């Protein structure tokens, strides 16, 4: 009788182990991320960023300057609704106006350029060349990277996803470096917490912007 009990326990243990293995091999599906979760493009939302100079070694120096970015309004373009996102442009008096919308899980502008793909970390979102007269300046590719990485900015510590545009500079234009990244790091429930402005090909430095505070409607 004791042997029968031992065999029964052993058989039960084997069954439990087998079920556990099957369960581990088929984990539950994760909930898809959404554009609205990361972009936060509601009219009246705004973000304040501090500007930093970043040298070729990655050392940062605050410039003591602050940018205010905000969602101004909704507008119709080609019978589709876009939100108008306003941002200072390279630290000057000019502003960059982006018209963006959610297109099947991708944040795009009116020209179809992708700014965010929260669920697509395998595709090349953009592949183009920057051309000069009779010359090629750079090969540009864009991909989502740094899924669920953690960064710290003046506003706090956030888990982010990063839409990275990489410029591979051609000879004659690579004095500042061959591979030049522009990052847009988005946090869920916040928006962009850390991004980088355009750079000058002849200079190895960058200007980054880090979130200081924000308001969401």
N, C-alpha and C. Protein backbone atom coordinates (compact mmCIF):
# COMPACT_ATOMS: atom_id res chain seq x y z
N UNK A 1 0.84 -1.22 0.00
CA UNK A 1 0.00 0.00 0.00
C UNK A 1 0.86 1.25 0.00
N UNK A 2 1.97 1.21 0.76
CA UNK A 2 2.86 2.37 0.81
C UNK A 2 3.47 2.64 -0.55
N UNK A 3 3.80 1.54 -1.27
CA UNK A 3 4.38 1.70 -2.60
C UNK A 3 3.40 2.37 -3.54
N UNK A 4 2.14 1.98 -3.45
CA UNK A 4 1.11 2.56 -4.31
C UNK A 4 0.98 4.05 -4.07
N UNK A 5 1.07 4.45 -2.82
CA UNK A 5 0.97 5.88 -2.48
C UNK A 5 2.16 6.63 -3.05
N UNK A 6 3.33 6.06 -2.95
CA UNK A 6 4.54 6.70 -3.48
C UNK A 6 4.42 6.86 -4.98
N UNK A 7 3.95 5.82 -5.67
CA UNK A 7 3.79 5.90 -7.11
C UNK A 7 2.76 6.96 -7.51
N UNK A 8 1.71 7.04 -6.72
CA UNK A 8 0.66 8.02 -7.01
C UNK A 8 1.19 9.44 -6.87
N UNK A 9 1.95 9.69 -5.81
CA UNK A 9 2.53 11.01 -5.59
C UNK A 9 3.49 11.36 -6.71
N UNK A 10 4.31 10.38 -7.08
CA UNK A 10 5.28 10.60 -8.16
C UNK A 10 4.58 10.92 -9.46
N UNK A 11 3.49 10.18 -9.75
CA UNK A 11 2.75 10.42 -10.98
C UNK A 11 2.10 11.78 -10.98
N UNK A 12 1.58 12.22 -9.84
CA UNK A 12 0.96 13.53 -9.71
C UNK A 12 1.99 14.63 -9.91
N UNK A 13 3.17 14.46 -9.34
CA UNK A 13 4.25 15.44 -9.49
C UNK A 13 4.64 15.58 -10.94
N UNK A 14 4.70 14.45 -11.64
CA UNK A 14 5.07 14.46 -13.06
C UNK A 14 4.02 15.22 -13.87
N UNK A 15 2.74 14.99 -13.53
CA UNK A 15 1.66 15.66 -14.23
C UNK A 15 1.70 17.16 -14.02
N UNK A 16 1.94 17.60 -12.78
CA UNK A 16 2.03 19.02 -12.46
C UNK A 16 3.19 19.66 -13.20
N UNK A 17 4.35 18.97 -13.21
CA UNK A 17 5.52 19.49 -13.91
C UNK A 17 5.25 19.63 -15.39
N UNK A 18 4.53 18.64 -15.97
CA UNK A 18 4.22 18.68 -17.39
C UNK A 18 3.30 19.84 -17.71
N UNK A 19 2.28 20.07 -16.87
CA UNK A 19 1.35 21.19 -17.08
C UNK A 19 2.05 22.52 -16.97
N UNK A 20 2.98 22.63 -16.01
CA UNK A 20 3.71 23.87 -15.81
C UNK A 20 4.56 24.19 -17.03
N UNK A 21 5.19 23.15 -17.60
CA UNK A 21 6.02 23.35 -18.78
C UNK A 21 5.20 23.85 -19.95
N UNK A 22 4.00 23.19 -20.13
CA UNK A 22 3.14 23.63 -21.23
C UNK A 22 2.71 25.08 -21.05
N UNK A 23 2.45 25.47 -19.80
CA UNK A 23 2.01 26.84 -19.53
C UNK A 23 3.13 27.83 -19.83
N UNK A 24 4.37 27.48 -19.45
CA UNK A 24 5.49 28.38 -19.67
C UNK A 24 5.77 28.58 -21.16
N UNK A 25 5.49 27.55 -21.96
CA UNK A 25 5.77 27.63 -23.40
C UNK A 25 4.73 28.45 -24.14
N UNK A 26 3.63 28.74 -23.50
CA UNK A 26 2.55 29.50 -24.14
C UNK A 26 2.12 30.65 -23.24
N UNK A 27 2.99 31.67 -23.07
CA UNK A 27 2.65 32.78 -22.19
C UNK A 27 1.49 33.59 -22.75
N UNK A 28 0.72 34.24 -21.89
CA UNK A 28 -0.41 35.03 -22.37
C UNK A 28 0.05 36.20 -23.24
N UNK A 29 -0.78 36.56 -24.21
CA UNK A 29 -0.44 37.66 -25.11
C UNK A 29 -0.45 38.98 -24.34
N UNK A 30 0.46 39.85 -24.69
CA UNK A 30 0.51 41.16 -24.04
C UNK A 30 -0.45 42.12 -24.74
N UNK A 31 -0.91 43.10 -24.01
CA UNK A 31 -1.82 44.09 -24.57
C UNK A 31 -1.06 45.02 -25.49
N UNK A 32 -1.53 45.22 -26.72
CA UNK A 32 -0.81 46.11 -27.66
C UNK A 32 -0.73 47.54 -27.12
N UNK A 33 0.38 48.19 -27.38
CA UNK A 33 0.53 49.60 -27.04
C UNK A 33 -0.27 50.42 -28.04
N UNK A 34 -0.67 51.62 -27.65
CA UNK A 34 -1.43 52.48 -28.55
C UNK A 34 -0.68 53.80 -28.76
N UNK A 35 -0.95 54.42 -29.90
CA UNK A 35 -0.36 55.72 -30.21
C UNK A 35 -0.80 56.75 -29.17
N UNK A 36 -2.10 56.76 -28.84
CA UNK A 36 -2.60 57.76 -27.89
C UNK A 36 -1.97 57.61 -26.51
N UNK A 37 -1.57 56.39 -26.17
CA UNK A 37 -0.93 56.12 -24.88
C UNK A 37 0.42 56.84 -24.78
N UNK A 38 1.13 56.95 -25.90
CA UNK A 38 2.47 57.53 -25.89
C UNK A 38 2.53 58.96 -26.45
N UNK A 39 1.72 59.28 -27.44
CA UNK A 39 1.82 60.59 -28.08
C UNK A 39 1.06 61.67 -27.32
N UNK A 40 -0.06 61.34 -26.68
CA UNK A 40 -0.82 62.27 -25.85
C UNK A 40 -1.18 63.57 -26.60
N UNK A 41 -1.75 63.41 -27.79
CA UNK A 41 -2.03 64.57 -28.64
C UNK A 41 -3.45 65.10 -28.47
N UNK A 42 -3.76 65.55 -27.26
CA UNK A 42 -5.03 66.22 -27.01
C UNK A 42 -4.80 67.73 -26.97
N UNK A 43 -5.74 68.47 -27.52
CA UNK A 43 -5.62 69.94 -27.56
C UNK A 43 -5.47 70.48 -26.14
N UNK A 44 -4.49 71.36 -25.95
CA UNK A 44 -4.23 71.96 -24.65
C UNK A 44 -3.11 71.29 -23.88
N UNK A 45 -2.69 70.10 -24.29
CA UNK A 45 -1.55 69.46 -23.63
C UNK A 45 -0.27 70.24 -23.92
N UNK A 46 0.62 70.33 -22.93
CA UNK A 46 1.90 71.01 -23.18
C UNK A 46 3.02 70.37 -22.37
N UNK A 47 4.25 70.59 -22.85
CA UNK A 47 5.45 70.03 -22.24
C UNK A 47 6.53 71.11 -22.22
N UNK A 48 7.26 71.21 -21.11
CA UNK A 48 8.38 72.15 -20.98
C UNK A 48 9.68 71.34 -20.93
N UNK A 49 10.63 71.70 -21.78
CA UNK A 49 11.89 70.97 -21.87
C UNK A 49 13.08 71.89 -21.59
N UNK A 50 14.09 71.33 -20.93
CA UNK A 50 15.36 72.03 -20.75
C UNK A 50 16.32 71.57 -21.84
N UNK A 51 17.08 72.53 -22.39
CA UNK A 51 17.99 72.25 -23.49
C UNK A 51 19.40 71.97 -22.95
N UNK A 52 20.05 70.94 -23.53
CA UNK A 52 21.40 70.55 -23.14
C UNK A 52 22.28 70.45 -24.38
N UNK A 53 23.53 70.91 -24.25
CA UNK A 53 24.53 70.67 -25.28
C UNK A 53 25.21 69.35 -24.96
N UNK A 54 25.34 68.48 -25.97
CA UNK A 54 25.94 67.16 -25.78
C UNK A 54 27.16 67.04 -26.69
N UNK A 55 28.33 66.75 -26.11
CA UNK A 55 29.54 66.65 -26.92
C UNK A 55 29.69 65.24 -27.49
N UNK A 56 30.76 65.01 -28.24
CA UNK A 56 30.96 63.74 -28.94
C UNK A 56 31.10 62.56 -27.98
N UNK A 57 31.49 62.82 -26.73
CA UNK A 57 31.64 61.76 -25.73
C UNK A 57 30.37 61.53 -24.92
N UNK A 58 29.33 62.31 -25.22
CA UNK A 58 28.07 62.16 -24.50
C UNK A 58 27.94 63.01 -23.26
N UNK A 59 28.92 63.88 -23.00
CA UNK A 59 28.85 64.76 -21.83
C UNK A 59 27.84 65.87 -22.07
N UNK A 60 26.99 66.12 -21.07
CA UNK A 60 25.90 67.09 -21.22
C UNK A 60 26.17 68.35 -20.41
N UNK A 61 25.81 69.49 -21.00
CA UNK A 61 25.90 70.77 -20.31
C UNK A 61 24.60 71.52 -20.51
N UNK A 62 23.95 71.91 -19.41
CA UNK A 62 22.70 72.65 -19.54
C UNK A 62 22.97 74.00 -20.19
N UNK A 63 22.09 74.39 -21.10
CA UNK A 63 22.20 75.68 -21.77
C UNK A 63 21.40 76.75 -21.04
N UNK A 64 20.67 76.37 -20.00
CA UNK A 64 19.85 77.32 -19.28
C UNK A 64 18.70 77.85 -20.12
N UNK A 65 18.29 77.08 -21.13
CA UNK A 65 17.20 77.48 -22.03
C UNK A 65 16.08 76.45 -21.94
N UNK A 66 14.84 76.93 -22.14
CA UNK A 66 13.68 76.05 -22.00
C UNK A 66 12.75 76.23 -23.21
N UNK A 67 12.25 75.10 -23.71
CA UNK A 67 11.33 75.09 -24.83
C UNK A 67 9.94 74.68 -24.35
N UNK A 68 8.92 75.34 -24.88
CA UNK A 68 7.55 74.99 -24.59
C UNK A 68 6.92 74.39 -25.85
N UNK A 69 6.45 73.17 -25.76
CA UNK A 69 5.80 72.49 -26.88
C UNK A 69 4.34 72.21 -26.49
N UNK A 70 3.44 72.31 -27.45
CA UNK A 70 2.03 72.15 -27.08
C UNK A 70 1.21 71.70 -28.28
N UNK A 71 0.03 71.15 -27.97
CA UNK A 71 -0.94 70.77 -28.99
C UNK A 71 -1.91 71.92 -29.13
N UNK A 72 -1.92 72.54 -30.30
CA UNK A 72 -2.69 73.77 -30.50
C UNK A 72 -4.14 73.51 -30.87
N UNK A 73 -4.38 72.61 -31.83
CA UNK A 73 -5.74 72.42 -32.32
C UNK A 73 -5.83 71.16 -33.17
N UNK A 74 -7.06 70.80 -33.50
CA UNK A 74 -7.31 69.77 -34.50
C UNK A 74 -7.59 70.46 -35.84
N UNK A 75 -7.21 69.80 -36.92
CA UNK A 75 -7.44 70.38 -38.23
C UNK A 75 -7.71 69.28 -39.25
N UNK A 76 -8.38 69.61 -40.33
CA UNK A 76 -8.72 68.65 -41.37
C UNK A 76 -7.78 68.82 -42.56
N UNK A 77 -7.14 67.73 -42.97
CA UNK A 77 -6.29 67.72 -44.16
C UNK A 77 -6.69 66.51 -44.99
N UNK A 78 -7.09 66.75 -46.24
CA UNK A 78 -7.52 65.67 -47.13
C UNK A 78 -8.59 64.78 -46.48
N UNK A 79 -9.54 65.44 -45.82
CA UNK A 79 -10.68 64.78 -45.17
C UNK A 79 -10.29 63.90 -43.98
N UNK A 80 -9.09 64.08 -43.46
CA UNK A 80 -8.64 63.35 -42.28
C UNK A 80 -8.31 64.34 -41.16
N UNK A 81 -8.58 63.95 -39.92
CA UNK A 81 -8.34 64.83 -38.78
C UNK A 81 -6.92 64.64 -38.24
N UNK A 82 -6.19 65.74 -38.14
CA UNK A 82 -4.83 65.75 -37.60
C UNK A 82 -4.80 66.69 -36.39
N UNK A 83 -3.84 66.47 -35.50
CA UNK A 83 -3.59 67.42 -34.42
C UNK A 83 -2.35 68.23 -34.77
N UNK A 84 -2.39 69.51 -34.45
CA UNK A 84 -1.27 70.41 -34.73
C UNK A 84 -0.39 70.50 -33.48
N UNK A 85 0.85 69.99 -33.59
CA UNK A 85 1.82 70.01 -32.50
C UNK A 85 2.86 71.08 -32.82
N UNK A 86 3.05 72.02 -31.89
CA UNK A 86 3.92 73.17 -32.12
C UNK A 86 5.16 73.05 -31.24
N UNK A 87 6.34 73.26 -31.85
CA UNK A 87 7.59 73.14 -31.10
C UNK A 87 8.59 74.18 -31.60
N UNK A 88 9.38 74.80 -30.70
CA UNK A 88 10.48 75.66 -31.15
C UNK A 88 11.44 74.87 -32.02
N UNK A 89 12.08 75.56 -32.95
CA UNK A 89 12.94 74.88 -33.93
C UNK A 89 14.37 75.36 -33.82
N UNK A 90 15.28 74.46 -33.52
CA UNK A 90 16.71 74.72 -33.32
C UNK A 90 17.00 75.99 -32.52
N UNK A 91 16.22 76.19 -31.49
CA UNK A 91 16.53 77.24 -30.53
C UNK A 91 16.30 78.66 -31.00
N UNK A 92 15.81 78.84 -32.21
CA UNK A 92 15.61 80.19 -32.73
C UNK A 92 14.16 80.62 -32.63
N UNK A 93 13.82 81.71 -33.31
CA UNK A 93 12.45 82.22 -33.25
C UNK A 93 11.47 81.40 -34.09
N UNK A 94 11.98 80.51 -34.94
CA UNK A 94 11.11 79.71 -35.79
C UNK A 94 10.44 78.61 -34.98
N UNK A 95 9.28 78.17 -35.44
CA UNK A 95 8.59 77.05 -34.81
C UNK A 95 8.39 75.95 -35.83
N UNK A 96 8.37 74.72 -35.32
CA UNK A 96 8.09 73.55 -36.15
C UNK A 96 6.66 73.12 -35.89
N UNK A 97 5.85 73.10 -36.92
CA UNK A 97 4.46 72.69 -36.80
C UNK A 97 4.29 71.30 -37.40
N UNK A 98 3.91 70.34 -36.57
CA UNK A 98 3.70 68.98 -37.04
C UNK A 98 2.21 68.67 -37.01
N UNK A 99 1.71 68.12 -38.12
CA UNK A 99 0.32 67.70 -38.20
C UNK A 99 0.32 66.18 -38.18
N UNK A 100 -0.22 65.60 -37.10
CA UNK A 100 -0.07 64.16 -36.88
C UNK A 100 -1.41 63.50 -36.55
N UNK A 101 -1.48 62.20 -36.84
CA UNK A 101 -2.66 61.42 -36.50
C UNK A 101 -2.27 59.96 -36.34
N UNK A 102 -3.16 59.21 -35.73
CA UNK A 102 -2.98 57.76 -35.57
C UNK A 102 -3.50 57.08 -36.83
N UNK A 103 -2.61 56.38 -37.52
CA UNK A 103 -2.99 55.64 -38.72
C UNK A 103 -2.69 54.16 -38.50
N UNK A 104 -3.71 53.41 -38.09
CA UNK A 104 -3.59 51.96 -37.86
C UNK A 104 -2.44 51.61 -36.93
N UNK A 105 -2.30 52.39 -35.85
CA UNK A 105 -1.28 52.09 -34.85
C UNK A 105 0.07 52.74 -35.11
N UNK A 106 0.15 53.63 -36.09
CA UNK A 106 1.37 54.38 -36.39
C UNK A 106 1.06 55.87 -36.31
N UNK A 107 1.94 56.64 -35.68
CA UNK A 107 1.79 58.09 -35.65
C UNK A 107 2.43 58.66 -36.91
N UNK A 108 1.61 59.29 -37.77
CA UNK A 108 2.11 59.77 -39.06
C UNK A 108 1.71 61.22 -39.26
N UNK A 109 2.40 61.89 -40.20
CA UNK A 109 1.99 63.24 -40.58
C UNK A 109 1.23 63.19 -41.90
N UNK A 110 0.90 64.36 -42.43
CA UNK A 110 0.07 64.42 -43.63
C UNK A 110 0.80 63.89 -44.87
N UNK A 111 2.12 63.73 -44.78
CA UNK A 111 2.90 63.19 -45.90
C UNK A 111 3.21 61.70 -45.73
N UNK A 112 2.67 61.11 -44.67
CA UNK A 112 2.88 59.69 -44.45
C UNK A 112 4.16 59.34 -43.70
N UNK A 113 4.92 60.35 -43.24
CA UNK A 113 6.13 60.09 -42.48
C UNK A 113 5.76 59.57 -41.09
N UNK A 114 6.42 58.51 -40.66
CA UNK A 114 6.12 57.88 -39.37
C UNK A 114 6.99 58.50 -38.28
N UNK A 115 6.35 58.86 -37.16
CA UNK A 115 7.05 59.43 -36.01
C UNK A 115 7.07 58.48 -34.82
N UNK A 116 6.20 57.50 -34.82
CA UNK A 116 6.12 56.57 -33.70
C UNK A 116 5.39 55.31 -34.14
N UNK A 117 5.96 54.15 -33.76
CA UNK A 117 5.32 52.85 -34.04
C UNK A 117 5.45 52.02 -32.77
N UNK A 118 4.55 52.19 -31.81
CA UNK A 118 4.74 51.61 -30.48
C UNK A 118 4.77 50.09 -30.43
N UNK A 119 4.29 49.40 -31.48
CA UNK A 119 4.28 47.94 -31.48
C UNK A 119 5.19 47.32 -32.53
N UNK A 120 5.92 48.13 -33.27
CA UNK A 120 6.73 47.62 -34.39
C UNK A 120 8.20 47.91 -34.15
N UNK A 121 8.91 46.93 -33.60
CA UNK A 121 10.32 47.08 -33.31
C UNK A 121 11.20 46.27 -34.27
N UNK A 122 10.62 45.88 -35.41
CA UNK A 122 11.37 45.10 -36.39
C UNK A 122 11.47 45.80 -37.75
N UNK A 123 10.48 46.58 -38.12
CA UNK A 123 10.46 47.19 -39.45
C UNK A 123 11.38 48.41 -39.52
N UNK A 124 11.86 48.68 -40.72
CA UNK A 124 12.52 49.96 -41.01
C UNK A 124 11.42 50.93 -41.40
N UNK A 125 11.21 51.94 -40.58
CA UNK A 125 10.08 52.86 -40.76
C UNK A 125 10.36 53.93 -41.81
N UNK A 126 11.63 54.15 -42.08
CA UNK A 126 12.02 55.16 -43.08
C UNK A 126 13.38 54.76 -43.65
N UNK A 127 13.55 54.93 -44.94
CA UNK A 127 14.82 54.60 -45.61
C UNK A 127 14.95 55.55 -46.79
N UNK A 128 15.84 56.53 -46.67
CA UNK A 128 15.98 57.54 -47.70
C UNK A 128 17.41 58.08 -47.74
N UNK A 129 17.68 58.93 -48.71
CA UNK A 129 18.99 59.57 -48.84
C UNK A 129 18.82 61.08 -48.81
N UNK A 130 19.77 61.75 -48.17
CA UNK A 130 19.84 63.21 -48.22
C UNK A 130 20.82 63.57 -49.32
N UNK A 131 20.37 64.35 -50.27
CA UNK A 131 21.17 64.64 -51.46
C UNK A 131 21.56 66.11 -51.53
N UNK A 132 22.76 66.34 -52.04
CA UNK A 132 23.21 67.68 -52.41
C UNK A 132 23.38 67.68 -53.93
N UNK A 133 23.83 68.79 -54.49
CA UNK A 133 24.02 68.85 -55.95
C UNK A 133 25.12 67.88 -56.35
N UNK A 134 24.74 66.87 -57.13
CA UNK A 134 25.69 65.86 -57.62
C UNK A 134 26.43 65.13 -56.51
N UNK A 135 25.79 64.98 -55.37
CA UNK A 135 26.47 64.33 -54.24
C UNK A 135 25.42 63.78 -53.27
N UNK A 136 25.85 62.80 -52.47
CA UNK A 136 25.00 62.23 -51.43
C UNK A 136 25.54 62.63 -50.07
N UNK A 137 24.69 63.21 -49.26
CA UNK A 137 25.09 63.69 -47.94
C UNK A 137 25.00 62.58 -46.90
N UNK A 138 23.88 61.86 -46.89
CA UNK A 138 23.67 60.86 -45.84
C UNK A 138 22.63 59.83 -46.27
N UNK A 139 22.75 58.66 -45.69
CA UNK A 139 21.73 57.62 -45.79
C UNK A 139 20.97 57.62 -44.47
N UNK A 140 19.65 57.73 -44.53
CA UNK A 140 18.83 57.90 -43.32
C UNK A 140 17.91 56.70 -43.17
N UNK A 141 17.93 56.09 -41.98
CA UNK A 141 17.00 55.03 -41.65
C UNK A 141 16.36 55.32 -40.30
N UNK A 142 15.15 54.80 -40.12
CA UNK A 142 14.42 55.03 -38.86
C UNK A 142 13.87 53.71 -38.36
N UNK A 143 14.03 53.46 -37.05
CA UNK A 143 13.51 52.26 -36.41
C UNK A 143 13.14 52.55 -34.96
N UNK A 144 12.25 51.71 -34.44
CA UNK A 144 11.95 51.75 -33.01
C UNK A 144 13.01 50.92 -32.27
N UNK A 145 13.54 51.48 -31.16
CA UNK A 145 14.58 50.80 -30.38
C UNK A 145 14.32 51.07 -28.89
N UNK A 146 15.18 50.48 -28.05
CA UNK A 146 15.15 50.74 -26.59
C UNK A 146 13.80 50.46 -25.96
N UNK A 147 13.16 49.35 -26.36
CA UNK A 147 11.84 49.03 -25.80
C UNK A 147 11.95 48.80 -24.29
N UNK A 148 11.13 49.54 -23.54
CA UNK A 148 11.05 49.43 -22.09
C UNK A 148 12.38 49.73 -21.40
N UNK A 149 13.16 50.64 -21.98
CA UNK A 149 14.35 51.14 -21.30
C UNK A 149 13.94 52.19 -20.28
N UNK A 150 14.80 52.44 -19.31
CA UNK A 150 14.51 53.40 -18.25
C UNK A 150 15.46 54.58 -18.37
N UNK A 151 14.91 55.80 -18.38
CA UNK A 151 15.73 57.01 -18.44
C UNK A 151 15.29 57.96 -17.34
N UNK A 152 16.22 58.83 -16.94
CA UNK A 152 15.91 59.84 -15.94
C UNK A 152 16.13 61.22 -16.52
N UNK A 153 15.14 62.08 -16.40
CA UNK A 153 15.19 63.46 -16.88
C UNK A 153 14.77 64.35 -15.70
N UNK A 154 14.87 65.67 -15.83
CA UNK A 154 14.49 66.53 -14.69
C UNK A 154 13.09 66.27 -14.15
N UNK A 155 12.15 65.84 -15.00
CA UNK A 155 10.78 65.61 -14.54
C UNK A 155 10.62 64.30 -13.78
N UNK A 156 11.60 63.39 -13.87
CA UNK A 156 11.48 62.11 -13.17
C UNK A 156 12.11 60.98 -13.95
N UNK A 157 11.81 59.75 -13.52
CA UNK A 157 12.33 58.55 -14.16
C UNK A 157 11.19 57.84 -14.88
N UNK A 158 11.43 57.46 -16.14
CA UNK A 158 10.37 56.90 -16.98
C UNK A 158 10.86 55.68 -17.75
N UNK A 159 9.92 54.77 -18.02
CA UNK A 159 10.15 53.66 -18.93
C UNK A 159 9.75 54.12 -20.32
N UNK A 160 10.64 53.95 -21.29
CA UNK A 160 10.42 54.60 -22.59
C UNK A 160 10.53 53.61 -23.76
N UNK A 161 10.05 54.06 -24.90
CA UNK A 161 10.36 53.48 -26.20
C UNK A 161 10.93 54.61 -27.05
N UNK A 162 11.82 54.27 -27.98
CA UNK A 162 12.58 55.30 -28.68
C UNK A 162 12.42 55.15 -30.19
N UNK A 163 11.97 56.20 -30.84
CA UNK A 163 11.96 56.23 -32.30
C UNK A 163 13.26 56.91 -32.75
N UNK A 164 14.19 56.12 -33.27
CA UNK A 164 15.54 56.61 -33.60
C UNK A 164 15.71 56.76 -35.10
N UNK A 165 16.11 57.96 -35.51
CA UNK A 165 16.48 58.23 -36.90
C UNK A 165 17.99 58.28 -36.96
N UNK A 166 18.59 57.40 -37.76
CA UNK A 166 20.04 57.32 -37.85
C UNK A 166 20.53 57.87 -39.19
N UNK A 167 21.44 58.84 -39.11
CA UNK A 167 22.06 59.42 -40.30
C UNK A 167 23.44 58.80 -40.47
N UNK A 168 23.66 58.11 -41.57
CA UNK A 168 25.00 57.62 -41.92
C UNK A 168 25.60 58.62 -42.90
N UNK A 169 26.52 59.43 -42.38
CA UNK A 169 27.06 60.54 -43.15
C UNK A 169 28.10 60.04 -44.16
N UNK A 170 28.03 60.58 -45.36
CA UNK A 170 28.96 60.18 -46.42
C UNK A 170 30.25 61.00 -46.33
N UNK A 171 31.36 60.48 -46.91
CA UNK A 171 32.62 61.24 -46.91
C UNK A 171 32.42 62.65 -47.47
N UNK A 172 33.05 63.60 -46.81
CA UNK A 172 32.87 65.00 -47.16
C UNK A 172 31.87 65.69 -46.25
N UNK A 173 31.04 64.87 -45.56
CA UNK A 173 30.04 65.41 -44.65
C UNK A 173 30.12 64.74 -43.27
N UNK A 174 31.16 63.96 -43.04
CA UNK A 174 31.25 63.17 -41.82
C UNK A 174 32.31 63.66 -40.84
N UNK A 175 32.68 64.92 -40.93
CA UNK A 175 33.68 65.46 -40.01
C UNK A 175 33.18 65.45 -38.57
N UNK A 176 31.88 65.49 -38.38
CA UNK A 176 31.30 65.45 -37.05
C UNK A 176 30.98 64.04 -36.58
N UNK A 177 31.28 63.05 -37.42
CA UNK A 177 30.99 61.65 -37.09
C UNK A 177 30.23 60.99 -38.22
N UNK A 178 30.42 59.68 -38.37
CA UNK A 178 29.77 58.95 -39.46
C UNK A 178 28.33 58.60 -39.15
N UNK A 179 28.07 58.11 -37.95
CA UNK A 179 26.71 57.73 -37.57
C UNK A 179 26.17 58.74 -36.57
N UNK A 180 25.10 59.44 -36.96
CA UNK A 180 24.56 60.53 -36.14
C UNK A 180 23.08 60.23 -35.83
N UNK A 181 22.76 59.86 -34.58
CA UNK A 181 21.38 59.52 -34.24
C UNK A 181 20.56 60.71 -33.75
N UNK A 182 19.29 60.70 -34.10
CA UNK A 182 18.31 61.61 -33.52
C UNK A 182 17.26 60.75 -32.84
N UNK A 183 17.09 60.95 -31.54
CA UNK A 183 16.20 60.11 -30.74
C UNK A 183 14.96 60.88 -30.29
N UNK A 184 13.84 60.18 -30.29
CA UNK A 184 12.60 60.70 -29.70
C UNK A 184 12.10 59.65 -28.74
N UNK A 185 12.32 59.88 -27.44
CA UNK A 185 11.97 58.90 -26.41
C UNK A 185 10.61 59.23 -25.82
N UNK A 186 9.68 58.28 -25.95
CA UNK A 186 8.31 58.46 -25.50
C UNK A 186 8.05 57.61 -24.25
N UNK A 187 7.33 58.17 -23.29
CA UNK A 187 6.90 57.43 -22.10
C UNK A 187 5.38 57.33 -22.10
N UNK A 188 4.89 56.18 -21.70
CA UNK A 188 3.44 55.97 -21.63
C UNK A 188 2.80 56.94 -20.66
N UNK A 189 1.70 57.54 -21.09
CA UNK A 189 0.97 58.47 -20.24
C UNK A 189 1.62 59.83 -20.09
N UNK A 190 2.68 60.09 -20.87
CA UNK A 190 3.40 61.37 -20.76
C UNK A 190 3.61 62.02 -22.11
N UNK A 191 4.18 61.30 -23.07
CA UNK A 191 4.60 61.87 -24.35
C UNK A 191 6.12 61.78 -24.46
N UNK A 192 6.71 62.69 -25.22
CA UNK A 192 8.17 62.70 -25.38
C UNK A 192 8.81 63.24 -24.10
N UNK A 193 9.73 62.47 -23.55
CA UNK A 193 10.42 62.90 -22.33
C UNK A 193 11.86 63.34 -22.62
N UNK A 194 12.38 62.94 -23.80
CA UNK A 194 13.77 63.27 -24.13
C UNK A 194 13.93 63.15 -25.64
N UNK A 195 14.28 64.24 -26.29
CA UNK A 195 14.49 64.17 -27.73
C UNK A 195 15.73 64.95 -28.14
N UNK A 196 16.04 64.90 -29.40
CA UNK A 196 17.24 65.54 -29.93
C UNK A 196 16.88 66.32 -31.18
N UNK A 197 17.41 67.53 -31.29
CA UNK A 197 17.13 68.35 -32.45
C UNK A 197 18.06 67.99 -33.61
N UNK A 198 17.80 68.57 -34.76
CA UNK A 198 18.68 68.37 -35.90
C UNK A 198 20.08 68.86 -35.55
N UNK A 199 21.08 68.34 -36.25
CA UNK A 199 22.46 68.70 -35.95
C UNK A 199 23.12 69.29 -37.20
N UNK A 200 24.28 69.91 -37.01
CA UNK A 200 25.07 70.41 -38.12
C UNK A 200 26.13 69.36 -38.46
N UNK A 201 26.22 68.99 -39.74
CA UNK A 201 27.13 67.92 -40.15
C UNK A 201 28.58 68.22 -39.79
N UNK A 202 28.95 69.49 -39.77
CA UNK A 202 30.34 69.86 -39.51
C UNK A 202 30.70 69.89 -38.04
N UNK A 203 29.70 69.72 -37.16
CA UNK A 203 29.94 69.80 -35.72
C UNK A 203 29.58 68.49 -35.04
N UNK A 204 30.44 68.00 -34.12
CA UNK A 204 30.16 66.72 -33.45
C UNK A 204 29.17 66.83 -32.30
N UNK A 205 28.74 68.04 -31.98
CA UNK A 205 27.84 68.26 -30.84
C UNK A 205 26.37 68.14 -31.25
N UNK A 206 25.53 67.95 -30.23
CA UNK A 206 24.09 67.87 -30.43
C UNK A 206 23.40 68.80 -29.42
N UNK A 207 22.12 69.04 -29.65
CA UNK A 207 21.28 69.70 -28.65
C UNK A 207 20.15 68.75 -28.29
N UNK A 208 20.12 68.33 -27.03
CA UNK A 208 19.06 67.47 -26.53
C UNK A 208 18.09 68.28 -25.69
N UNK A 209 16.85 67.79 -25.61
CA UNK A 209 15.84 68.42 -24.77
C UNK A 209 15.28 67.38 -23.81
N UNK A 210 15.25 67.72 -22.52
CA UNK A 210 14.74 66.80 -21.50
C UNK A 210 13.56 67.44 -20.77
N UNK A 211 12.58 66.60 -20.50
CA UNK A 211 11.33 67.08 -19.91
C UNK A 211 11.53 67.60 -18.49
N UNK A 212 10.97 68.79 -18.25
CA UNK A 212 11.02 69.40 -16.91
C UNK A 212 9.65 69.28 -16.23
N UNK A 213 8.60 69.60 -16.97
CA UNK A 213 7.24 69.44 -16.43
C UNK A 213 6.28 69.39 -17.61
N UNK A 214 5.05 68.97 -17.33
CA UNK A 214 4.06 68.83 -18.41
C UNK A 214 2.65 68.93 -17.84
N UNK A 215 1.69 69.16 -18.73
CA UNK A 215 0.28 69.20 -18.36
C UNK A 215 -0.51 68.46 -19.43
N UNK A 216 -1.36 67.53 -19.00
CA UNK A 216 -2.21 66.78 -19.92
C UNK A 216 -3.67 66.99 -19.56
N UNK A 217 -4.49 67.22 -20.56
CA UNK A 217 -5.93 67.35 -20.35
C UNK A 217 -6.61 65.99 -20.27
